[in-house]
Amino acid sequence: MTRPRATGAADSRCPSCAAPVLVQWVGDRAALKVTADLRPLTPEQQAAVWEPNRLIWCLHSRPHASPQLRWLSRWHPPGCPHPHVTEHRCPPTEPTTLF
């Protein structure tokens, strides 16, 4: 069984917290479905939020093309001109019930 190849990105909002996110399949063989925040991170912020299960992505964009998330590997250039983003996590919310 194969899935349709989706190379584009869905620029949308998180259904839980309404934050702007980018939803995209990343990879060719063992693809991951990534929901990424659109807020760019500084190198210090990247180091603070990185975890083994929360990756940092390079948000590569070109004129006349949709933005594309790319893996950050050890071969990624240190002076990359593109913004880096992380996987989305909804902020904690206040309880809505009294009990």
C-alpha atoms as a PDB file:
ATOM      1  CA  MET A   1       0.000   0.000   0.000  1.00  0.00           C
ATOM      2  CA  THR A   2       1.385   3.381  -0.895  1.00  0.00           C
ATOM      3  CA  ARG A   3       0.288   6.806   0.137  1.00  0.00           C
ATOM      4  CA  PRO A   4      -0.050   9.754  -2.243  1.00  0.00           C
ATOM      5  CA  ARG A   5       3.125  11.779  -2.416  1.00  0.00           C
ATOM      6  CA  ALA A   6       2.543  15.129  -0.735  1.00  0.00           C
ATOM      7  CA  THR A   7       5.337  17.585  -1.350  1.00  0.00           C
ATOM      8  CA  GLY A   8       3.447  20.725  -0.453  1.00  0.00           C
ATOM      9  CA  ALA A   9       2.788  22.137   2.962  1.00  0.00           C
ATOM     10  CA  ALA A  10      -0.404  22.964   4.779  1.00  0.00           C
ATOM     11  CA  ASP A  11      -0.103  26.377   6.383  1.00  0.00           C
ATOM     12  CA  SER A  12      -2.830  26.300   8.983  1.00  0.00           C
ATOM     13  CA  ARG A  13      -3.667  26.699  12.649  1.00  0.00           C
ATOM     14  CA  CYS A  14      -3.462  24.235  15.512  1.00  0.00           C
ATOM     15  CA  PRO A  15      -6.971  22.890  16.232  1.00  0.00           C
ATOM     16  CA  SER A  16      -6.349  23.054  20.003  1.00  0.00           C
ATOM     17  CA  CYS A  17      -4.660  26.413  20.577  1.00  0.00           C
ATOM     18  CA  ALA A  18      -5.091  28.189  17.185  1.00  0.00           C
ATOM     19  CA  ALA A  19      -1.356  28.920  16.885  1.00  0.00           C
ATOM     20  CA  PRO A  20      -0.076  29.235  13.292  1.00  0.00           C
ATOM     21  CA  VAL A  21       1.613  25.962  12.284  1.00  0.00           C
ATOM     22  CA  LEU A  22       3.032  24.279   9.200  1.00  0.00           C
ATOM     23  CA  VAL A  23       2.011  20.637   8.645  1.00  0.00           C
ATOM     24  CA  GLN A  24       4.179  18.665   6.243  1.00  0.00           C
ATOM     25  CA  TRP A  25       5.582  15.192   5.512  1.00  0.00           C
ATOM     26  CA  VAL A  26       9.398  15.299   5.771  1.00  0.00           C
ATOM     27  CA  GLY A  27      11.558  12.588   4.217  1.00  0.00           C
ATOM     28  CA  ASP A  28      11.325  10.246   1.264  1.00  0.00           C
ATOM     29  CA  ARG A  29      11.366   6.724   2.692  1.00  0.00           C
ATOM     30  CA  ALA A  30      10.566   6.849   6.389  1.00  0.00           C
ATOM     31  CA  ALA A  31       8.733  10.148   6.325  1.00  0.00           C
ATOM     32  CA  LEU A  32       7.611  11.948   9.448  1.00  0.00           C
ATOM     33  CA  LYS A  33       4.461  14.024   9.605  1.00  0.00           C
ATOM     34  CA  VAL A  34       5.672  17.234  11.227  1.00  0.00           C
ATOM     35  CA  THR A  35       3.550  19.987  12.746  1.00  0.00           C
ATOM     36  CA  ALA A  36       5.954  22.897  13.207  1.00  0.00           C
ATOM     37  CA  ASP A  37       5.567  26.296  14.839  1.00  0.00           C
ATOM     38  CA  LEU A  38       6.109  29.182  12.450  1.00  0.00           C
ATOM     39  CA  ARG A  39       8.001  31.271  15.027  1.00  0.00           C
ATOM     40  CA  PRO A  40      11.737  31.302  14.142  1.00  0.00           C
ATOM     41  CA  LEU A  41      14.155  30.336  16.917  1.00  0.00           C
ATOM     42  CA  THR A  42      17.513  31.839  17.822  1.00  0.00           C
ATOM     43  CA  PRO A  43      20.413  29.395  18.360  1.00  0.00           C
ATOM     44  CA  GLU A  44      20.001  29.826  22.131  1.00  0.00           C
ATOM     45  CA  GLN A  45      16.271  29.027  21.926  1.00  0.00           C
ATOM     46  CA  GLN A  46      17.041  25.980  19.770  1.00  0.00           C
ATOM     47  CA  ALA A  47      19.410  24.618  22.411  1.00  0.00           C
ATOM     48  CA  ALA A  48      16.810  25.241  25.130  1.00  0.00           C
ATOM     49  CA  VAL A  49      13.873  23.467  23.424  1.00  0.00           C
ATOM     50  CA  TRP A  50      15.724  20.592  21.725  1.00  0.00           C
ATOM     51  CA  GLU A  51      14.854  17.122  23.053  1.00  0.00           C
ATOM     52  CA  PRO A  52      15.254  13.647  21.518  1.00  0.00           C
ATOM     53  CA  ASN A  53      11.545  13.629  20.598  1.00  0.00           C
ATOM     54  CA  ARG A  54      11.276  17.309  19.690  1.00  0.00           C
ATOM     55  CA  LEU A  55      13.390  18.116  16.688  1.00  0.00           C
ATOM     56  CA  ILE A  56      14.522  21.395  15.152  1.00  0.00           C
ATOM     57  CA  TRP A  57      13.788  21.940  11.445  1.00  0.00           C
ATOM     58  CA  CYS A  58      15.193  24.297   8.800  1.00  0.00           C
ATOM     59  CA  LEU A  59      12.341  26.196   7.131  1.00  0.00           C
ATOM     60  CA  HIS A  60      13.641  26.520   3.588  1.00  0.00           C
ATOM     61  CA  SER A  61      11.705  28.854   1.326  1.00  0.00           C
ATOM     62  CA  ARG A  62      12.168  29.938  -2.264  1.00  0.00           C
ATOM     63  CA  PRO A  63      10.310  32.402  -4.436  1.00  0.00           C
ATOM     64  CA  HIS A  64       7.261  30.865  -6.161  1.00  0.00           C
ATOM     65  CA  ALA A  65       7.377  27.696  -4.009  1.00  0.00           C
ATOM     66  CA  SER A  66       5.784  26.624  -0.751  1.00  0.00           C
ATOM     67  CA  PRO A  67       8.021  26.516   2.341  1.00  0.00           C
ATOM     68  CA  GLN A  68       9.772  23.198   2.893  1.00  0.00           C
ATOM     69  CA  LEU A  69      10.954  21.717   6.187  1.00  0.00           C
ATOM     70  CA  ARG A  70      14.401  20.123   6.063  1.00  0.00           C
ATOM     71  CA  TRP A  71      16.264  17.914   8.519  1.00  0.00           C
ATOM     72  CA  LEU A  72      18.983  19.508  10.612  1.00  0.00           C
ATOM     73  CA  SER A  73      21.881  17.094  10.337  1.00  0.00           C
ATOM     74  CA  ARG A  74      25.568  17.390  11.116  1.00  0.00           C
ATOM     75  CA  TRP A  75      26.098  18.497   7.510  1.00  0.00           C
ATOM     76  CA  HIS A  76      23.726  21.455   7.896  1.00  0.00           C
ATOM     77  CA  PRO A  77      25.710  24.685   7.367  1.00  0.00           C
ATOM     78  CA  PRO A  78      26.313  26.603  10.626  1.00  0.00           C
ATOM     79  CA  GLY A  79      25.540  29.965   8.990  1.00  0.00           C
ATOM     80  CA  CYS A  80      22.262  28.839   7.418  1.00  0.00           C
ATOM     81  CA  PRO A  81      20.263  31.897   6.236  1.00  0.00           C
ATOM     82  CA  HIS A  82      16.893  30.157   6.673  1.00  0.00           C
ATOM     83  CA  PRO A  83      14.845  30.303   9.895  1.00  0.00           C
ATOM     84  CA  HIS A  84      14.848  27.263  12.163  1.00  0.00           C
ATOM     85  CA  VAL A  85      11.626  26.127  13.827  1.00  0.00           C
ATOM     86  CA  THR A  86      10.608  23.339  16.202  1.00  0.00           C
ATOM     87  CA  GLU A  87       7.742  20.920  16.459  1.00  0.00           C
ATOM     88  CA  HIS A  88       4.582  22.461  17.853  1.00  0.00           C
ATOM     89  CA  ARG A  89       3.442  21.911  21.408  1.00  0.00           C
ATOM     90  CA  CYS A  90       0.357  23.647  22.715  1.00  0.00           C
ATOM     91  CA  PRO A  91       0.978  25.954  25.677  1.00  0.00           C
ATOM     92  CA  PRO A  92      -0.550  24.935  29.000  1.00  0.00           C
ATOM     93  CA  THR A  93      -4.060  26.244  29.440  1.00  0.00           C
ATOM     94  CA  GLU A  94      -6.092  27.244  32.453  1.00  0.00           C
ATOM     95  CA  PRO A  95      -8.701  24.701  33.562  1.00  0.00           C
ATOM     96  CA  THR A  96     -12.172  25.543  32.303  1.00  0.00           C
ATOM     97  CA  THR A  97     -14.113  23.681  34.981  1.00  0.00           C
ATOM     98  CA  LEU A  98     -14.549  24.477  38.644  1.00  0.00           C
ATOM     99  CA  PHE A  99     -14.257  20.855  39.810  1.00  0.00           C
END
